[in-house]
Protein backbone atom coordinates (compact mmCIF):
# COMPACT_ATOMS: atom_id res chain seq x y z
CA MET A 1 19.62 -4.40 -0.20
CA THR A 2 16.81 -2.03 -0.06
CA SER A 3 14.27 -2.12 -2.73
CA THR A 4 11.36 0.48 -3.47
CA LEU A 5 8.16 0.48 -5.44
CA THR A 6 5.80 3.24 -6.50
CA VAL A 7 2.38 2.10 -7.84
CA ILE A 8 -1.24 3.26 -8.18
CA GLY A 9 -3.40 0.75 -6.56
CA LEU A 10 -7.07 0.17 -5.47
CA VAL A 11 -7.40 -0.72 -1.75
CA THR A 12 -9.59 -3.87 -1.64
CA HIS A 13 -9.41 -4.94 1.97
CA LEU A 14 -8.42 -2.88 5.04
CA ARG A 15 -8.05 -3.38 8.73
CA VAL A 16 -7.15 -0.47 11.10
CA SER A 17 -5.71 -0.45 14.63
CA ASP A 18 -4.36 2.35 16.71
CA LYS A 19 -0.94 2.65 15.07
CA ILE A 20 -1.27 0.73 11.79
CA ALA A 21 -3.54 0.13 8.77
CA TYR A 22 -3.03 -3.08 6.83
CA GLY A 23 -4.64 -5.17 4.20
CA ASP A 24 -4.57 -5.74 0.53
CA ALA A 25 -4.67 -3.56 -2.77
CA ILE A 26 -4.65 -4.39 -6.45
CA TYR A 27 -3.01 -2.97 -9.43
CA ARG A 28 -3.04 -3.69 -13.27
CA GLU A 29 0.15 -3.95 -14.96
CA LYS A 30 -0.07 -1.85 -18.31
CA ILE A 31 1.69 -4.02 -20.85
CA SER A 32 0.01 -7.40 -20.05
CA SER A 33 -3.11 -6.04 -18.47
CA GLN A 34 -2.77 -8.62 -15.61
CA ASN A 35 -4.08 -7.77 -12.09
CA TYR A 36 -1.74 -8.20 -9.17
CA THR A 37 -2.66 -8.17 -5.52
CA PHE A 38 -0.25 -7.06 -2.89
CA GLY A 39 -0.31 -6.57 0.85
CA LEU A 40 0.08 -3.10 2.33
CA LYS A 41 0.94 -1.53 5.77
CA GLN A 42 0.50 2.08 6.58
CA PHE A 43 2.21 3.22 9.86
CA MET A 44 0.29 6.18 11.55
CA ASN A 45 2.51 9.13 12.40
CA SER A 46 0.58 12.00 14.02
CA GLN A 47 3.41 14.49 13.53
CA HIS A 48 2.79 14.66 9.80
CA GLU A 49 -0.54 15.96 8.43
CA TYR A 50 0.16 14.58 4.88
CA ASN A 51 -0.21 11.07 6.22
CA GLU A 52 -3.78 10.55 5.43
CA GLN A 53 -5.76 7.31 6.55
CA PHE A 54 -7.44 5.71 3.60
CA ASN A 55 -10.54 3.48 3.17
CA GLU A 56 -11.47 0.52 1.08
CA GLY A 57 -12.30 1.45 -2.40
CA ASP A 58 -9.71 4.28 -2.45
CA LEU A 59 -7.47 4.68 -5.43
CA VAL A 60 -3.97 5.40 -3.76
CA LEU A 61 -0.46 6.25 -4.90
CA PHE A 62 1.76 3.68 -2.86
CA GLY A 63 5.47 4.51 -2.51
CA GLY A 64 7.90 2.90 -0.27
CA LYS A 65 10.03 -0.19 0.59
CA PHE A 66 8.73 -3.59 -0.32
CA THR A 67 9.51 -7.24 0.55
CA LEU A 68 8.29 -10.59 -0.67
CA ASP A 69 6.61 -12.55 2.04
CA ASN A 70 5.79 -16.18 1.06
CA ASP A 71 6.00 -15.06 -2.61
CA LYS A 72 3.50 -12.21 -2.10
CA LEU A 73 4.55 -8.65 -2.44
CA MET A 74 4.17 -6.61 0.62
CA VAL A 75 4.55 -2.68 0.56
CA ARG A 76 5.46 -1.08 3.74
CA THR A 77 5.11 2.70 3.65
CA LEU A 78 5.03 5.89 5.74
CA ILE A 79 3.84 8.27 3.19
CA ILE A 80 0.46 7.49 1.33
CA LYS A 81 -1.55 10.23 -0.39
CA ASN A 82 -5.12 9.77 -1.74
């Protein structure tokens, strides 16, 4: 079953290679005001200009498929906009 997630998060750690950017981001849940950390992966695709590379400290709208990896949320996405 495919699950998706859309959240605004702050990029806290980022490592970049030729084809992928990966690291951690954090978001605050509105009702409880708790902060949650999640892993992220951005796959570079040179055919689409809208797929911008981001940096640590950027506030980003994340949207895409997610998985739980060792009880940690991991967002894997192709489209990320600052």
